């Protein structure tokens, strides 16, 4: 009896010591530079946001926050890298919503990829981004009606650019093709910038895209916004009608960005990072900068991101299966 009691006391002391050590470790976080991985090339909206966030987070925690681009395979390479990192808070991932669905399109789920729902620790949803259908000004497509008419022409098909296979833009393009009864040819690019450049150059007539990368060209008239894929008109571009207003009620996709850590990231560190980002997302200069990039701040608890990620994985997984969407 005494031996059992002695063992119980010893175990309790051990657990208490372990918890105290863990809390002390969390209290000292961060004690060295943090790497913020972006799984896409430099120049896109995810990369631009990452650099803005890195600067603000570094100022708050007193340590360098270094943005590291690890592009390839629609974000799978960089995301997989973070999934294998130590869960110590020094390797993080700023991911767009392609994170949830890319593997389903590229058919890598369960092989060389990552576990969308269980392989990471959600920290905070940083933003929400409406998606737009945009046309080059020299292509004769001044409205959604024009685009549908061109795609329905006898023996014709219409192509559209996206930032990559498995992106929300790719999914949106296929959803619109189904809703409009047209044949659209998907042309994937390695990121936002090259997709926009080819539409500007007249090589591709259309792109499904977030607002930030195209806003300067919309203002100059080099690109034309035809529709937005949100439930209501975006406050970032209130004159652009929704697909639903134009007769396509099932064409609704909203993109997002979120901060993830590797699986089993200690909750003390999640709480620390979540708190910093919620404060950063309220800063007037950050709100203004995000608006320029076509992004509305979200924030909130970590489970906001977890639920958004899971909802997209489920919803778009079904869309991908129903439409037979795969990498081009």
C-alpha atoms as a PDB file:
ATOM      1  CA  UNK A   1       0.000   0.000   0.000  1.00  0.00           C
ATOM      2  CA  UNK A   2       2.794   2.328   0.989  1.00  0.00           C
ATOM      3  CA  UNK A   3       4.690   1.406  -2.170  1.00  0.00           C
ATOM      4  CA  UNK A   4       1.658   2.161  -4.335  1.00  0.00           C
ATOM      5  CA  UNK A   5       1.142   5.477  -2.642  1.00  0.00           C
ATOM      6  CA  UNK A   6       4.837   6.328  -3.000  1.00  0.00           C
ATOM      7  CA  UNK A   7       4.646   5.534  -6.709  1.00  0.00           C
ATOM      8  CA  UNK A   8       1.548   7.705  -7.114  1.00  0.00           C
ATOM      9  CA  UNK A   9       3.227  10.635  -5.398  1.00  0.00           C
ATOM     10  CA  UNK A  10       6.330  10.213  -7.530  1.00  0.00           C
ATOM     11  CA  UNK A  11       4.238  10.092 -10.705  1.00  0.00           C
ATOM     12  CA  UNK A  12       2.347  13.224  -9.702  1.00  0.00           C
ATOM     13  CA  UNK A  13       5.607  15.077  -9.017  1.00  0.00           C
ATOM     14  CA  UNK A  14       6.951  13.929 -12.403  1.00  0.00           C
ATOM     15  CA  UNK A  15       3.859  15.159 -14.256  1.00  0.00           C
ATOM     16  CA  UNK A  16       3.938  18.487 -12.438  1.00  0.00           C
ATOM     17  CA  UNK A  17       7.616  18.939 -13.251  1.00  0.00           C
ATOM     18  CA  UNK A  18       6.985  18.088 -16.887  1.00  0.00           C
ATOM     19  CA  UNK A  19       4.116  20.587 -17.136  1.00  0.00           C
ATOM     20  CA  UNK A  20       6.215  23.260 -15.445  1.00  0.00           C
ATOM     21  CA  UNK A  21       9.039  22.642 -17.888  1.00  0.00           C
ATOM     22  CA  UNK A  22       6.627  22.797 -20.797  1.00  0.00           C
ATOM     23  CA  UNK A  23       5.147  26.075 -19.587  1.00  0.00           C
ATOM     24  CA  UNK A  24       8.599  27.546 -19.034  1.00  0.00           C
ATOM     25  CA  UNK A  25       9.583  26.521 -22.559  1.00  0.00           C
ATOM     26  CA  UNK A  26       6.424  28.109 -23.971  1.00  0.00           C
ATOM     27  CA  UNK A  27       7.043  31.265 -21.934  1.00  0.00           C
ATOM     28  CA  UNK A  28      10.473  31.620 -23.543  1.00  0.00           C
ATOM     29  CA  UNK A  29       9.076  31.210 -27.079  1.00  0.00           C
ATOM     30  CA  UNK A  30      10.385  32.420 -29.394  1.00  0.00           C
ATOM     31  CA  UNK A  31      14.060  32.394 -28.505  1.00  0.00           C
ATOM     32  CA  UNK A  32      15.390  32.168 -32.084  1.00  0.00           C
ATOM     33  CA  UNK A  33      14.324  33.111 -35.644  1.00  0.00           C
ATOM     34  CA  UNK A  34      11.007  31.797 -37.010  1.00  0.00           C
ATOM     35  CA  UNK A  35      10.702  30.533 -40.585  1.00  0.00           C
ATOM     36  CA  UNK A  36       7.416  31.321 -42.325  1.00  0.00           C
ATOM     37  CA  UNK A  37       7.078  29.019 -45.324  1.00  0.00           C
ATOM     38  CA  UNK A  38       5.147  30.061 -48.431  1.00  0.00           C
ATOM     39  CA  UNK A  39       4.600  27.130 -50.791  1.00  0.00           C
ATOM     40  CA  UNK A  40       4.478  29.377 -53.867  1.00  0.00           C
ATOM     41  CA  UNK A  41       6.896  31.603 -55.798  1.00  0.00           C
ATOM     42  CA  UNK A  42       7.647  35.148 -54.716  1.00  0.00           C
ATOM     43  CA  UNK A  43       5.358  37.796 -56.173  1.00  0.00           C
ATOM     44  CA  UNK A  44       1.919  36.305 -55.487  1.00  0.00           C
ATOM     45  CA  UNK A  45      -0.600  37.522 -52.927  1.00  0.00           C
ATOM     46  CA  UNK A  46       0.277  34.773 -50.401  1.00  0.00           C
ATOM     47  CA  UNK A  47       3.931  35.775 -50.560  1.00  0.00           C
ATOM     48  CA  UNK A  48       3.090  39.484 -50.252  1.00  0.00           C
ATOM     49  CA  UNK A  49       0.911  38.868 -47.189  1.00  0.00           C
ATOM     50  CA  UNK A  50       3.549  36.635 -45.622  1.00  0.00           C
ATOM     51  CA  UNK A  51       6.149  39.408 -45.848  1.00  0.00           C
ATOM     52  CA  UNK A  52       3.797  41.949 -44.288  1.00  0.00           C
ATOM     53  CA  UNK A  53       2.913  39.561 -41.451  1.00  0.00           C
ATOM     54  CA  UNK A  54       6.547  38.553 -40.926  1.00  0.00           C
ATOM     55  CA  UNK A  55       7.580  42.162 -40.378  1.00  0.00           C
ATOM     56  CA  UNK A  56       4.823  42.799 -37.835  1.00  0.00           C
ATOM     57  CA  UNK A  57       5.301  39.503 -35.977  1.00  0.00           C
ATOM     58  CA  UNK A  58       9.060  40.052 -35.766  1.00  0.00           C
ATOM     59  CA  UNK A  59       8.513  43.441 -34.155  1.00  0.00           C
ATOM     60  CA  UNK A  60       6.156  41.929 -31.590  1.00  0.00           C
ATOM     61  CA  UNK A  61       8.223  38.878 -30.587  1.00  0.00           C
ATOM     62  CA  UNK A  62      11.704  40.393 -30.849  1.00  0.00           C
ATOM     63  CA  UNK A  63      13.024  37.716 -33.188  1.00  0.00           C
ATOM     64  CA  UNK A  64      13.566  37.632 -36.972  1.00  0.00           C
ATOM     65  CA  UNK A  65      10.717  36.075 -38.965  1.00  0.00           C
ATOM     66  CA  UNK A  66      12.088  34.884 -42.303  1.00  0.00           C
ATOM     67  CA  UNK A  67       9.835  34.149 -45.281  1.00  0.00           C
ATOM     68  CA  UNK A  68      11.006  31.082 -47.188  1.00  0.00           C
ATOM     69  CA  UNK A  69       9.486  30.225 -50.594  1.00  0.00           C
ATOM     70  CA  UNK A  70       9.223  26.491 -51.335  1.00  0.00           C
ATOM     71  CA  UNK A  71       7.112  26.365 -54.516  1.00  0.00           C
ATOM     72  CA  UNK A  72       5.981  23.388 -56.561  1.00  0.00           C
ATOM     73  CA  UNK A  73       3.071  21.010 -57.189  1.00  0.00           C
ATOM     74  CA  UNK A  74       0.377  23.601 -56.363  1.00  0.00           C
ATOM     75  CA  UNK A  75       1.768  24.132 -52.896  1.00  0.00           C
ATOM     76  CA  UNK A  76       2.151  20.470 -51.948  1.00  0.00           C
ATOM     77  CA  UNK A  77       5.959  20.568 -51.729  1.00  0.00           C
ATOM     78  CA  UNK A  78       6.110  23.444 -49.248  1.00  0.00           C
ATOM     79  CA  UNK A  79       3.156  22.185 -47.215  1.00  0.00           C
ATOM     80  CA  UNK A  80       4.682  18.706 -46.956  1.00  0.00           C
ATOM     81  CA  UNK A  81       7.939  20.255 -45.758  1.00  0.00           C
ATOM     82  CA  UNK A  82       6.183  22.002 -42.875  1.00  0.00           C
ATOM     83  CA  UNK A  83       4.198  18.870 -42.004  1.00  0.00           C
ATOM     84  CA  UNK A  84       7.501  17.077 -41.325  1.00  0.00           C
ATOM     85  CA  UNK A  85       9.065  19.895 -39.303  1.00  0.00           C
ATOM     86  CA  UNK A  86       9.547  19.766 -35.542  1.00  0.00           C
ATOM     87  CA  UNK A  87       6.444  20.987 -33.667  1.00  0.00           C
ATOM     88  CA  UNK A  88       8.338  23.718 -31.836  1.00  0.00           C
ATOM     89  CA  UNK A  89       6.837  26.844 -33.411  1.00  0.00           C
ATOM     90  CA  UNK A  90       9.908  27.749 -35.456  1.00  0.00           C
ATOM     91  CA  UNK A  91       8.602  26.451 -38.791  1.00  0.00           C
ATOM     92  CA  UNK A  92       5.176  27.738 -39.811  1.00  0.00           C
ATOM     93  CA  UNK A  93       3.106  27.723 -42.999  1.00  0.00           C
ATOM     94  CA  UNK A  94       1.067  30.571 -44.434  1.00  0.00           C
ATOM     95  CA  UNK A  95      -1.222  28.711 -46.820  1.00  0.00           C
ATOM     96  CA  UNK A  96      -3.933  29.758 -49.266  1.00  0.00           C
ATOM     97  CA  UNK A  97      -7.056  27.626 -49.541  1.00  0.00           C
ATOM     98  CA  UNK A  98      -5.429  25.553 -52.292  1.00  0.00           C
ATOM     99  CA  UNK A  99      -3.932  23.756 -49.280  1.00  0.00           C
ATOM    100  CA  UNK A 100      -7.247  21.973 -48.656  1.00  0.00           C
ATOM    101  CA  UNK A 101      -7.840  20.621 -52.140  1.00  0.00           C
ATOM    102  CA  UNK A 102      -4.655  20.472 -54.241  1.00  0.00           C
ATOM    103  CA  UNK A 103      -3.914  16.858 -53.379  1.00  0.00           C
ATOM    104  CA  UNK A 104      -7.387  15.764 -54.433  1.00  0.00           C
ATOM    105  CA  UNK A 105      -6.789  17.184 -57.907  1.00  0.00           C
ATOM    106  CA  UNK A 106      -3.161  16.084 -58.249  1.00  0.00           C
ATOM    107  CA  UNK A 107      -4.011  12.621 -56.871  1.00  0.00           C
ATOM    108  CA  UNK A 108      -1.229  12.643 -54.247  1.00  0.00           C
ATOM    109  CA  UNK A 109      -3.393  12.200 -51.149  1.00  0.00           C
ATOM    110  CA  UNK A 110      -2.036   9.388 -49.000  1.00  0.00           C
ATOM    111  CA  UNK A 111       1.220   9.107 -50.956  1.00  0.00           C
ATOM    112  CA  UNK A 112       3.867  11.822 -50.927  1.00  0.00           C
ATOM    113  CA  UNK A 113       1.584  14.578 -49.669  1.00  0.00           C
ATOM    114  CA  UNK A 114       0.185  15.560 -46.283  1.00  0.00           C
ATOM    115  CA  UNK A 115      -2.878  14.949 -44.154  1.00  0.00           C
ATOM    116  CA  UNK A 116      -5.129  17.978 -44.703  1.00  0.00           C
ATOM    117  CA  UNK A 117      -7.251  17.450 -41.598  1.00  0.00           C
ATOM    118  CA  UNK A 118      -4.847  15.861 -39.106  1.00  0.00           C
ATOM    119  CA  UNK A 119      -1.318  16.615 -40.281  1.00  0.00           C
ATOM    120  CA  UNK A 120      -1.123  20.240 -39.105  1.00  0.00           C
ATOM    121  CA  UNK A 121      -2.054  22.483 -36.192  1.00  0.00           C
ATOM    122  CA  UNK A 122      -4.372  25.359 -37.226  1.00  0.00           C
ATOM    123  CA  UNK A 123      -3.322  28.664 -35.657  1.00  0.00           C
ATOM    124  CA  UNK A 124      -5.391  31.473 -37.223  1.00  0.00           C
ATOM    125  CA  UNK A 125      -7.316  32.282 -40.382  1.00  0.00           C
ATOM    126  CA  UNK A 126      -5.701  35.476 -41.562  1.00  0.00           C
ATOM    127  CA  UNK A 127      -7.992  36.499 -44.393  1.00  0.00           C
ATOM    128  CA  UNK A 128     -10.825  35.880 -46.822  1.00  0.00           C
ATOM    129  CA  UNK A 129     -10.531  36.641 -50.546  1.00  0.00           C
ATOM    130  CA  UNK A 130     -13.364  36.940 -53.081  1.00  0.00           C
ATOM    131  CA  UNK A 131     -12.640  35.379 -56.493  1.00  0.00           C
ATOM    132  CA  UNK A 132     -13.306  37.206 -59.744  1.00  0.00           C
ATOM    133  CA  UNK A 133     -13.627  36.280 -63.395  1.00  0.00           C
ATOM    134  CA  UNK A 134     -11.472  38.742 -65.313  1.00  0.00           C
ATOM    135  CA  UNK A 135     -10.970  39.216 -69.061  1.00  0.00           C
ATOM    136  CA  UNK A 136      -8.258  40.892 -71.094  1.00  0.00           C
ATOM    137  CA  UNK A 137      -9.504  44.172 -72.573  1.00  0.00           C
ATOM    138  CA  UNK A 138      -8.406  43.286 -76.097  1.00  0.00           C
ATOM    139  CA  UNK A 139     -10.300  40.023 -76.374  1.00  0.00           C
ATOM    140  CA  UNK A 140     -13.778  41.378 -77.060  1.00  0.00           C
ATOM    141  CA  UNK A 141     -15.233  39.945 -73.831  1.00  0.00           C
ATOM    142  CA  UNK A 142     -16.781  42.885 -72.010  1.00  0.00           C
ATOM    143  CA  UNK A 143     -19.360  40.929 -69.998  1.00  0.00           C
ATOM    144  CA  UNK A 144     -20.141  37.467 -68.688  1.00  0.00           C
ATOM    145  CA  UNK A 145     -22.730  37.154 -71.453  1.00  0.00           C
ATOM    146  CA  UNK A 146     -19.972  37.759 -74.017  1.00  0.00           C
ATOM    147  CA  UNK A 147     -17.780  35.073 -72.447  1.00  0.00           C
ATOM    148  CA  UNK A 148     -20.566  32.491 -72.404  1.00  0.00           C
ATOM    149  CA  UNK A 149     -21.495  33.331 -75.988  1.00  0.00           C
ATOM    150  CA  UNK A 150     -17.896  32.934 -77.145  1.00  0.00           C
ATOM    151  CA  UNK A 151     -17.588  29.596 -75.362  1.00  0.00           C
ATOM    152  CA  UNK A 152     -20.841  28.342 -76.895  1.00  0.00           C
ATOM    153  CA  UNK A 153     -19.826  29.218 -80.451  1.00  0.00           C
ATOM    154  CA  UNK A 154     -19.941  26.312 -82.882  1.00  0.00           C
ATOM    155  CA  UNK A 155     -16.831  24.179 -82.544  1.00  0.00           C
ATOM    156  CA  UNK A 156     -15.247  26.640 -80.138  1.00  0.00           C
ATOM    157  CA  UNK A 157     -13.848  26.451 -76.642  1.00  0.00           C
ATOM    158  CA  UNK A 158     -12.613  29.195 -74.386  1.00  0.00           C
ATOM    159  CA  UNK A 159      -9.501  28.951 -72.217  1.00  0.00           C
ATOM    160  CA  UNK A 160      -8.852  30.385 -68.785  1.00  0.00           C
ATOM    161  CA  UNK A 161      -5.715  30.791 -66.709  1.00  0.00           C
ATOM    162  CA  UNK A 162      -5.372  29.830 -63.048  1.00  0.00           C
ATOM    163  CA  UNK A 163      -2.487  29.967 -60.539  1.00  0.00           C
ATOM    164  CA  UNK A 164      -2.295  26.162 -60.616  1.00  0.00           C
ATOM    165  CA  UNK A 165      -4.126  22.866 -60.759  1.00  0.00           C
ATOM    166  CA  UNK A 166      -6.149  22.256 -57.624  1.00  0.00           C
ATOM    167  CA  UNK A 167      -6.434  25.941 -56.772  1.00  0.00           C
ATOM    168  CA  UNK A 168      -9.827  27.415 -55.821  1.00  0.00           C
ATOM    169  CA  UNK A 169      -9.620  29.274 -59.141  1.00  0.00           C
ATOM    170  CA  UNK A 170      -9.380  25.964 -60.994  1.00  0.00           C
ATOM    171  CA  UNK A 171     -12.364  24.582 -59.087  1.00  0.00           C
ATOM    172  CA  UNK A 172     -14.342  27.770 -59.763  1.00  0.00           C
ATOM    173  CA  UNK A 173     -13.591  27.559 -63.478  1.00  0.00           C
ATOM    174  CA  UNK A 174     -14.931  24.024 -63.697  1.00  0.00           C
ATOM    175  CA  UNK A 175     -18.005  24.892 -61.612  1.00  0.00           C
ATOM    176  CA  UNK A 176     -18.785  27.783 -63.950  1.00  0.00           C
ATOM    177  CA  UNK A 177     -18.280  25.597 -67.027  1.00  0.00           C
ATOM    178  CA  UNK A 178     -20.832  23.155 -65.660  1.00  0.00           C
ATOM    179  CA  UNK A 179     -23.312  25.854 -64.645  1.00  0.00           C
ATOM    180  CA  UNK A 180     -23.094  27.646 -68.011  1.00  0.00           C
ATOM    181  CA  UNK A 181     -23.043  24.511 -70.154  1.00  0.00           C
ATOM    182  CA  UNK A 182     -19.824  25.597 -71.847  1.00  0.00           C
ATOM    183  CA  UNK A 183     -16.476  24.011 -72.597  1.00  0.00           C
ATOM    184  CA  UNK A 184     -13.642  25.849 -70.841  1.00  0.00           C
ATOM    185  CA  UNK A 185     -10.028  24.796 -71.238  1.00  0.00           C
ATOM    186  CA  UNK A 186      -7.978  25.117 -68.068  1.00  0.00           C
ATOM    187  CA  UNK A 187      -4.431  26.454 -68.402  1.00  0.00           C
ATOM    188  CA  UNK A 188      -2.586  26.160 -65.071  1.00  0.00           C
ATOM    189  CA  UNK A 189       0.389  28.369 -64.229  1.00  0.00           C
ATOM    190  CA  UNK A 190       2.995  28.212 -61.493  1.00  0.00           C
ATOM    191  CA  UNK A 191       1.565  31.049 -59.470  1.00  0.00           C
ATOM    192  CA  UNK A 192      -0.554  34.169 -59.833  1.00  0.00           C
ATOM    193  CA  UNK A 193       1.904  36.498 -61.569  1.00  0.00           C
ATOM    194  CA  UNK A 194       2.503  34.417 -64.737  1.00  0.00           C
ATOM    195  CA  UNK A 195      -1.222  33.719 -65.106  1.00  0.00           C
ATOM    196  CA  UNK A 196      -2.048  37.435 -64.967  1.00  0.00           C
ATOM    197  CA  UNK A 197       0.811  38.299 -67.342  1.00  0.00           C
ATOM    198  CA  UNK A 198      -0.506  35.958 -70.038  1.00  0.00           C
ATOM    199  CA  UNK A 199      -4.004  37.414 -69.807  1.00  0.00           C
ATOM    200  CA  UNK A 200      -2.530  40.905 -70.065  1.00  0.00           C
ATOM    201  CA  UNK A 201      -0.554  39.769 -73.103  1.00  0.00           C
ATOM    202  CA  UNK A 202      -3.632  38.369 -74.815  1.00  0.00           C
ATOM    203  CA  UNK A 203      -2.350  34.790 -74.782  1.00  0.00           C
ATOM    204  CA  UNK A 204      -5.302  33.622 -72.634  1.00  0.00           C
ATOM    205  CA  UNK A 205      -8.663  35.453 -72.688  1.00  0.00           C
ATOM    206  CA  UNK A 206      -9.823  34.847 -69.109  1.00  0.00           C
ATOM    207  CA  UNK A 207      -8.625  34.154 -65.603  1.00  0.00           C
ATOM    208  CA  UNK A 208     -10.307  33.339 -62.312  1.00  0.00           C
ATOM    209  CA  UNK A 209      -8.278  35.296 -59.773  1.00  0.00           C
ATOM    210  CA  UNK A 210      -8.232  37.218 -56.493  1.00  0.00           C
ATOM    211  CA  UNK A 211      -8.505  40.986 -56.662  1.00  0.00           C
ATOM    212  CA  UNK A 212      -5.076  42.062 -55.430  1.00  0.00           C
ATOM    213  CA  UNK A 213      -2.905  40.980 -58.370  1.00  0.00           C
ATOM    214  CA  UNK A 214      -5.272  42.474 -60.977  1.00  0.00           C
ATOM    215  CA  UNK A 215      -6.615  45.608 -59.269  1.00  0.00           C
ATOM    216  CA  UNK A 216      -4.078  48.017 -60.883  1.00  0.00           C
ATOM    217  CA  UNK A 217      -4.966  46.636 -64.334  1.00  0.00           C
ATOM    218  CA  UNK A 218      -8.694  46.932 -63.626  1.00  0.00           C
ATOM    219  CA  UNK A 219      -8.180  50.561 -62.687  1.00  0.00           C
ATOM    220  CA  UNK A 220      -6.273  51.228 -65.928  1.00  0.00           C
ATOM    221  CA  UNK A 221      -8.761  49.316 -68.098  1.00  0.00           C
ATOM    222  CA  UNK A 222      -6.247  46.700 -69.247  1.00  0.00           C
ATOM    223  CA  UNK A 223      -8.348  44.004 -67.584  1.00  0.00           C
ATOM    224  CA  UNK A 224     -12.134  43.861 -67.181  1.00  0.00           C
ATOM    225  CA  UNK A 225     -13.994  42.316 -64.196  1.00  0.00           C
ATOM    226  CA  UNK A 226     -16.939  40.215 -65.373  1.00  0.00           C
ATOM    227  CA  UNK A 227     -18.273  38.663 -62.146  1.00  0.00           C
ATOM    228  CA  UNK A 228     -17.433  37.847 -58.523  1.00  0.00           C
ATOM    229  CA  UNK A 229     -17.987  34.375 -57.036  1.00  0.00           C
ATOM    230  CA  UNK A 230     -19.134  35.441 -53.560  1.00  0.00           C
ATOM    231  CA  UNK A 231     -22.641  35.304 -52.112  1.00  0.00           C
ATOM    232  CA  UNK A 232     -22.902  39.088 -52.161  1.00  0.00           C
ATOM    233  CA  UNK A 233     -20.988  41.795 -53.981  1.00  0.00           C
ATOM    234  CA  UNK A 234     -17.559  42.383 -52.516  1.00  0.00           C
ATOM    235  CA  UNK A 235     -17.013  45.663 -50.650  1.00  0.00           C
ATOM    236  CA  UNK A 236     -13.594  45.685 -52.326  1.00  0.00           C
ATOM    237  CA  UNK A 237     -15.260  45.962 -55.769  1.00  0.00           C
ATOM    238  CA  UNK A 238     -18.945  46.835 -55.208  1.00  0.00           C
ATOM    239  CA  UNK A 239     -19.733  47.516 -58.874  1.00  0.00           C
ATOM    240  CA  UNK A 240     -18.922  43.968 -59.973  1.00  0.00           C
ATOM    241  CA  UNK A 241     -22.025  41.709 -60.065  1.00  0.00           C
ATOM    242  CA  UNK A 242     -22.079  38.247 -58.550  1.00  0.00           C
ATOM    243  CA  UNK A 243     -22.460  35.119 -60.663  1.00  0.00           C
ATOM    244  CA  UNK A 244     -25.812  34.595 -58.926  1.00  0.00           C
ATOM    245  CA  UNK A 245     -27.051  38.016 -60.051  1.00  0.00           C
ATOM    246  CA  UNK A 246     -26.142  37.064 -63.601  1.00  0.00           C
ATOM    247  CA  UNK A 247     -28.082  33.799 -63.449  1.00  0.00           C
ATOM    248  CA  UNK A 248     -25.514  31.278 -62.161  1.00  0.00           C
ATOM    249  CA  UNK A 249     -26.615  30.571 -58.607  1.00  0.00           C
ATOM    250  CA  UNK A 250     -24.366  27.575 -57.866  1.00  0.00           C
ATOM    251  CA  UNK A 251     -21.104  29.328 -58.751  1.00  0.00           C
ATOM    252  CA  UNK A 252     -19.802  30.428 -55.366  1.00  0.00           C
ATOM    253  CA  UNK A 253     -16.216  30.001 -54.134  1.00  0.00           C
ATOM    254  CA  UNK A 254     -14.322  32.134 -51.639  1.00  0.00           C
ATOM    255  CA  UNK A 255     -10.586  31.769 -51.103  1.00  0.00           C
ATOM    256  CA  UNK A 256      -8.740  32.274 -47.806  1.00  0.00           C
ATOM    257  CA  UNK A 257      -5.317  32.306 -46.150  1.00  0.00           C
ATOM    258  CA  UNK A 258      -4.387  30.712 -42.862  1.00  0.00           C
ATOM    259  CA  UNK A 259      -1.428  30.095 -40.568  1.00  0.00           C
ATOM    260  CA  UNK A 260      -0.609  26.483 -39.721  1.00  0.00           C
ATOM    261  CA  UNK A 261       2.087  24.741 -37.697  1.00  0.00           C
ATOM    262  CA  UNK A 262       3.158  21.109 -37.759  1.00  0.00           C
ATOM    263  CA  UNK A 263       0.994  18.539 -36.012  1.00  0.00           C
ATOM    264  CA  UNK A 264       1.153  18.502 -32.199  1.00  0.00           C
ATOM    265  CA  UNK A 265       2.241  22.120 -31.880  1.00  0.00           C
ATOM    266  CA  UNK A 266       1.881  22.907 -28.130  1.00  0.00           C
ATOM    267  CA  UNK A 267      -1.294  24.809 -27.342  1.00  0.00           C
ATOM    268  CA  UNK A 268       0.660  27.435 -25.417  1.00  0.00           C
ATOM    269  CA  UNK A 269       2.483  28.336 -28.640  1.00  0.00           C
ATOM    270  CA  UNK A 270      -0.757  28.257 -30.648  1.00  0.00           C
ATOM    271  CA  UNK A 271      -2.277  30.657 -28.135  1.00  0.00           C
ATOM    272  CA  UNK A 272       0.763  32.953 -28.309  1.00  0.00           C
ATOM    273  CA  UNK A 273       0.806  33.119 -32.115  1.00  0.00           C
ATOM    274  CA  UNK A 274      -2.971  33.399 -32.375  1.00  0.00           C
ATOM    275  CA  UNK A 275      -2.941  36.340 -29.971  1.00  0.00           C
ATOM    276  CA  UNK A 276      -0.215  38.147 -31.894  1.00  0.00           C
ATOM    277  CA  UNK A 277      -1.952  37.657 -35.228  1.00  0.00           C
ATOM    278  CA  UNK A 278      -5.320  38.801 -33.934  1.00  0.00           C
ATOM    279  CA  UNK A 279      -3.665  42.038 -32.852  1.00  0.00           C
ATOM    280  CA  UNK A 280      -1.763  42.366 -36.146  1.00  0.00           C
ATOM    281  CA  UNK A 281      -4.979  41.907 -38.152  1.00  0.00           C
ATOM    282  CA  UNK A 282      -6.522  44.900 -36.355  1.00  0.00           C
ATOM    283  CA  UNK A 283      -3.695  47.307 -37.237  1.00  0.00           C
ATOM    284  CA  UNK A 284      -4.967  50.039 -39.599  1.00  0.00           C
ATOM    285  CA  UNK A 285      -1.937  49.795 -41.887  1.00  0.00           C
ATOM    286  CA  UNK A 286      -2.366  46.031 -42.129  1.00  0.00           C
ATOM    287  CA  UNK A 287      -6.094  46.340 -42.889  1.00  0.00           C
ATOM    288  CA  UNK A 288      -5.254  48.876 -45.599  1.00  0.00           C
ATOM    289  CA  UNK A 289      -2.475  46.720 -47.049  1.00  0.00           C
ATOM    290  CA  UNK A 290      -4.708  43.641 -47.076  1.00  0.00           C
ATOM    291  CA  UNK A 291      -7.396  45.611 -48.921  1.00  0.00           C
ATOM    292  CA  UNK A 292      -4.850  46.469 -51.617  1.00  0.00           C
ATOM    293  CA  UNK A 293      -4.141  42.734 -51.889  1.00  0.00           C
ATOM    294  CA  UNK A 294      -7.867  41.981 -52.180  1.00  0.00           C
ATOM    295  CA  UNK A 295      -8.115  40.426 -48.733  1.00  0.00           C
ATOM    296  CA  UNK A 296     -10.468  41.000 -45.814  1.00  0.00           C
ATOM    297  CA  UNK A 297      -9.039  40.231 -42.320  1.00  0.00           C
ATOM    298  CA  UNK A 298     -10.646  37.354 -40.413  1.00  0.00           C
ATOM    299  CA  UNK A 299      -8.791  36.352 -37.227  1.00  0.00           C
ATOM    300  CA  UNK A 300     -10.583  34.720 -34.309  1.00  0.00           C
ATOM    301  CA  UNK A 301      -9.802  31.468 -32.520  1.00  0.00           C
ATOM    302  CA  UNK A 302      -7.747  28.683 -34.056  1.00  0.00           C
ATOM    303  CA  UNK A 303     -10.833  26.544 -34.612  1.00  0.00           C
ATOM    304  CA  UNK A 304     -12.173  29.117 -37.109  1.00  0.00           C
ATOM    305  CA  UNK A 305      -9.374  28.046 -39.450  1.00  0.00           C
ATOM    306  CA  UNK A 306      -9.849  24.381 -38.595  1.00  0.00           C
ATOM    307  CA  UNK A 307     -13.547  24.524 -39.513  1.00  0.00           C
ATOM    308  CA  UNK A 308     -12.910  26.495 -42.720  1.00  0.00           C
ATOM    309  CA  UNK A 309     -10.251  24.026 -43.830  1.00  0.00           C
ATOM    310  CA  UNK A 310     -12.446  21.001 -43.067  1.00  0.00           C
ATOM    311  CA  UNK A 311     -15.481  22.532 -44.793  1.00  0.00           C
ATOM    312  CA  UNK A 312     -13.505  23.201 -47.989  1.00  0.00           C
ATOM    313  CA  UNK A 313     -11.978  19.730 -47.953  1.00  0.00           C
ATOM    314  CA  UNK A 314     -15.435  18.156 -47.725  1.00  0.00           C
ATOM    315  CA  UNK A 315     -17.315  20.474 -50.099  1.00  0.00           C
ATOM    316  CA  UNK A 316     -14.727  20.712 -52.840  1.00  0.00           C
ATOM    317  CA  UNK A 317     -13.731  17.091 -52.501  1.00  0.00           C
ATOM    318  CA  UNK A 318     -17.255  16.246 -53.619  1.00  0.00           C
ATOM    319  CA  UNK A 319     -17.136  18.829 -56.443  1.00  0.00           C
ATOM    320  CA  UNK A 320     -13.805  17.423 -57.655  1.00  0.00           C
ATOM    321  CA  UNK A 321     -15.220  13.912 -57.651  1.00  0.00           C
ATOM    322  CA  UNK A 322     -18.528  14.856 -59.279  1.00  0.00           C
ATOM    323  CA  UNK A 323     -16.888  16.853 -62.066  1.00  0.00           C
ATOM    324  CA  UNK A 324     -13.925  14.539 -62.521  1.00  0.00           C
ATOM    325  CA  UNK A 325     -11.490  17.428 -62.023  1.00  0.00           C
ATOM    326  CA  UNK A 326      -7.837  16.477 -62.294  1.00  0.00           C
ATOM    327  CA  UNK A 327      -4.505  18.128 -62.981  1.00  0.00           C
ATOM    328  CA  UNK A 328      -3.976  19.317 -66.548  1.00  0.00           C
END
